[in-house]
Each structure stands twice: as C-alpha cells, then as structure tokens.
C-alpha atoms as a PDB file:
ATOM      1  CA  MET A   1      15.392   6.275  -6.243  1.00  0.00           C
ATOM      2  CA  GLY A   2      13.554   3.378  -4.648  1.00  0.00           C
ATOM      3  CA  SER A   3      10.277   3.793  -2.842  1.00  0.00           C
ATOM      4  CA  LYS A   4      11.820   3.032   0.590  1.00  0.00           C
ATOM      5  CA  GLN A   5      14.558   5.615  -0.022  1.00  0.00           C
ATOM      6  CA  SER A   6      11.966   8.136  -1.232  1.00  0.00           C
ATOM      7  CA  LEU A   7       9.934   7.482   1.886  1.00  0.00           C
ATOM      8  CA  ARG A   8      13.001   8.154   4.076  1.00  0.00           C
ATOM      9  CA  VAL A   9      13.726  11.437   2.272  1.00  0.00           C
ATOM     10  CA  ALA A  10      10.073  12.492   2.610  1.00  0.00           C
ATOM     11  CA  ALA A  11      10.051  11.514   6.294  1.00  0.00           C
ATOM     12  CA  GLY A  12      13.141  13.650   6.834  1.00  0.00           C
ATOM     13  CA  ALA A  13      11.427  16.506   5.021  1.00  0.00           C
ATOM     14  CA  ALA A  14       8.382  16.072   7.297  1.00  0.00           C
ATOM     15  CA  VAL A  15      10.551  16.308  10.422  1.00  0.00           C
ATOM     16  CA  ALA A  16      12.218  19.392   9.033  1.00  0.00           C
ATOM     17  CA  GLY A  17       8.855  20.851   8.106  1.00  0.00           C
ATOM     18  CA  LEU A  18       7.585  20.225  11.613  1.00  0.00           C
ATOM     19  CA  ALA A  19      10.532  22.046  13.094  1.00  0.00           C
ATOM     20  CA  TRP A  20      10.263  24.902  10.587  1.00  0.00           C
ATOM     21  CA  GLY A  21       6.573  25.273  11.038  1.00  0.00           C
ATOM     22  CA  TYR A  22       6.857  25.377  14.820  1.00  0.00           C
ATOM     23  CA  MET A  23       9.697  27.912  14.731  1.00  0.00           C
ATOM     24  CA  ARG A  24       7.869  30.065  12.209  1.00  0.00           C
ATOM     25  CA  HIS A  25       4.599  30.129  14.242  1.00  0.00           C
ATOM     26  CA  ARG A  26       5.987  29.740  17.788  1.00  0.00           C
ATOM     27  CA  ARG A  27       4.124  32.779  19.172  1.00  0.00           C
ATOM     28  CA  ASP A  28       0.798  31.690  17.712  1.00  0.00           C
ATOM     29  CA  PRO A  29      -1.476  29.646  20.000  1.00  0.00           C
ATOM     30  CA  ARG A  30      -2.020  27.171  17.175  1.00  0.00           C
ATOM     31  CA  ALA A  31       1.684  26.687  16.532  1.00  0.00           C
ATOM     32  CA  SER A  32       1.506  22.901  16.747  1.00  0.00           C
ATOM     33  CA  SER A  33      -1.318  22.787  14.139  1.00  0.00           C
ATOM     34  CA  PHE A  34       0.658  24.896  11.814  1.00  0.00           C
ATOM     35  CA  ALA A  35       3.755  22.823  12.381  1.00  0.00           C
ATOM     36  CA  VAL A  36       1.894  19.569  11.527  1.00  0.00           C
ATOM     37  CA  LEU A  37       0.381  21.180   8.441  1.00  0.00           C
ATOM     38  CA  GLN A  38       3.877  22.332   7.323  1.00  0.00           C
ATOM     39  CA  ALA A  39       5.247  18.830   7.941  1.00  0.00           C
ATOM     40  CA  LEU A  40       2.462  17.272   5.860  1.00  0.00           C
ATOM     41  CA  GLU A  41       3.006  19.733   3.042  1.00  0.00           C
ATOM     42  CA  TRP A  42       6.724  18.971   2.920  1.00  0.00           C
ATOM     43  CA  PHE A  43       6.124  15.225   3.176  1.00  0.00           C
ATOM     44  CA  ILE A  44       3.835  15.318   0.149  1.00  0.00           C
ATOM     45  CA  ALA A  45       6.093  17.724  -1.770  1.00  0.00           C
ATOM     46  CA  TYR A  46       9.049  15.372  -1.374  1.00  0.00           C
ATOM     47  CA  GLY A  47       7.126  12.357  -2.730  1.00  0.00           C
ATOM     48  CA  GLY A  48       6.047  10.730   0.546  1.00  0.00           C
ATOM     49  CA  ALA A  49       2.495  10.053  -0.592  1.00  0.00           C
ATOM     50  CA  ILE A  50       3.695   8.407  -3.833  1.00  0.00           C
ATOM     51  CA  ALA A  51       6.225   6.345  -1.972  1.00  0.00           C
ATOM     52  CA  LEU A  52       3.521   5.100   0.495  1.00  0.00           C
ATOM     53  CA  ILE A  53       1.224   4.174  -2.329  1.00  0.00           C
ATOM     54  CA  GLU A  54       4.032   2.291  -4.118  1.00  0.00           C
ATOM     55  CA  LEU A  55       4.869   0.332  -0.946  1.00  0.00           C
ATOM     56  CA  VAL A  56       1.231  -0.600  -0.390  1.00  0.00           C
ATOM     57  CA  ARG A  57       0.791  -1.590  -4.041  1.00  0.00           C
ATOM     58  CA  GLY A  58       3.943  -3.709  -3.855  1.00  0.00           C
ATOM     59  CA  ALA A  59       2.688  -5.453  -0.740  1.00  0.00           C
ATOM     60  CA  LEU A  60      -0.616  -6.220  -2.409  1.00  0.00           C
ATOM     61  CA  ASP A  61       1.119  -7.550  -5.552  1.00  0.00           C
ATOM     62  CA  GLU A  62       3.206  -9.943  -3.443  1.00  0.00           C
ATOM     63  CA  ASP A  63      -0.015 -11.665  -2.323  1.00  0.00           C
ATOM     64  CA  ASP A  64      -0.700 -12.634  -5.975  1.00  0.00           C
ATOM     65  CA  ASP A  65       2.421 -14.782  -6.007  1.00  0.00           C
ATOM     66  CA  LEU A  66       0.984 -17.271  -3.555  1.00  0.00           C
ATOM     67  CA  GLU A  67       0.334 -20.784  -4.788  1.00  0.00           C
ATOM     68  CA  VAL A  68      -3.145 -21.053  -6.214  1.00  0.00           C
ATOM     69  CA  THR A  69      -4.951 -24.264  -5.419  1.00  0.00           C
ATOM     70  CA  GLU A  70      -7.834 -25.557  -7.454  1.00  0.00           C
ATOM     71  CA  ARG A  71     -11.000 -26.459  -5.588  1.00  0.00           C
ATOM     72  CA  ILE A  72     -13.342 -29.207  -6.740  1.00  0.00           C
ATOM     73  CA  THR A  73     -16.889 -27.991  -6.523  1.00  0.00           C
ATOM     74  CA  HIS A  74     -18.724 -30.969  -8.077  1.00  0.00           C
ATOM     75  CA  ILE A  75     -18.064 -34.373  -9.618  1.00  0.00           C
ATOM     76  CA  ARG A  76     -19.918 -35.615 -12.697  1.00  0.00           C
ATOM     77  CA  GLN A  77     -20.459 -39.342 -13.097  1.00  0.00           C
ATOM     78  CA  THR A  78     -21.621 -40.756 -16.399  1.00  0.00           C
ATOM     79  CA  VAL A  79     -23.151 -44.260 -16.626  1.00  0.00           C
ATOM     80  CA  PHE A  80     -23.482 -46.101 -19.933  1.00  0.00           C
ATOM     81  CA  ASP A  81     -25.976 -48.905 -20.364  1.00  0.00           C
ATOM     82  CA  GLN A  82     -24.747 -51.769 -22.529  1.00  0.00           C
ATOM     83  CA  ALA A  83     -27.185 -52.886 -25.184  1.00  0.00           C
ATOM     84  CA  ALA A  84     -28.626 -56.408 -24.689  1.00  0.00           C
ATOM     85  CA  GLY A  85     -26.690 -59.014 -26.574  1.00  0.00           C
ATOM     86  CA  GLU A  86     -23.357 -57.227 -26.332  1.00  0.00           C
ATOM     87  CA  GLY A  87     -20.748 -58.093 -23.868  1.00  0.00           C
END
C-alpha cells in the first residue's frame, strides 16, 4: 500500500475514532478530549504516523534532484618568467 493510500486509511480511522470516542464518553464533560485522544490512537494504530513521515521524507528527497551548480570561489593565476636569452 502506498503512503498516500495508507494516509487515507489512517485518516478514515481517525474520523471513526473521533466518532467512537465521542459516543463512548458522551456523558463525560471531557468527551471532546477523549474523542480526540481516541482519534489520535486509531490514526497511529492504522499507520498514519508512518505514512506522514514517508511523505515528508519523499518531499525532502525530491529537493536533492535539483540541478547542482558549481560556484567559483577563487581564481589562481600563475605567471612564468622567461629566462634571459630565451625567446
């Protein structure tokens, strides 16, 4: 499964976890906090963190493919003296 597809599956799991967490703790005053925590747990369990890391790593690796230009930092000039009588 590709990282984008894994990310979609994990996002779906997070949405389901959010709904499940809210339904499970709906009478608790901290129901939204529990729901977000449940969504995060399911997102990680279904590979969401790994998929995000792979996407970021892939984006960083694409920057390496840019054309590299060489920069001249200094020029060396050598001068030779001709000996007297030559030339």
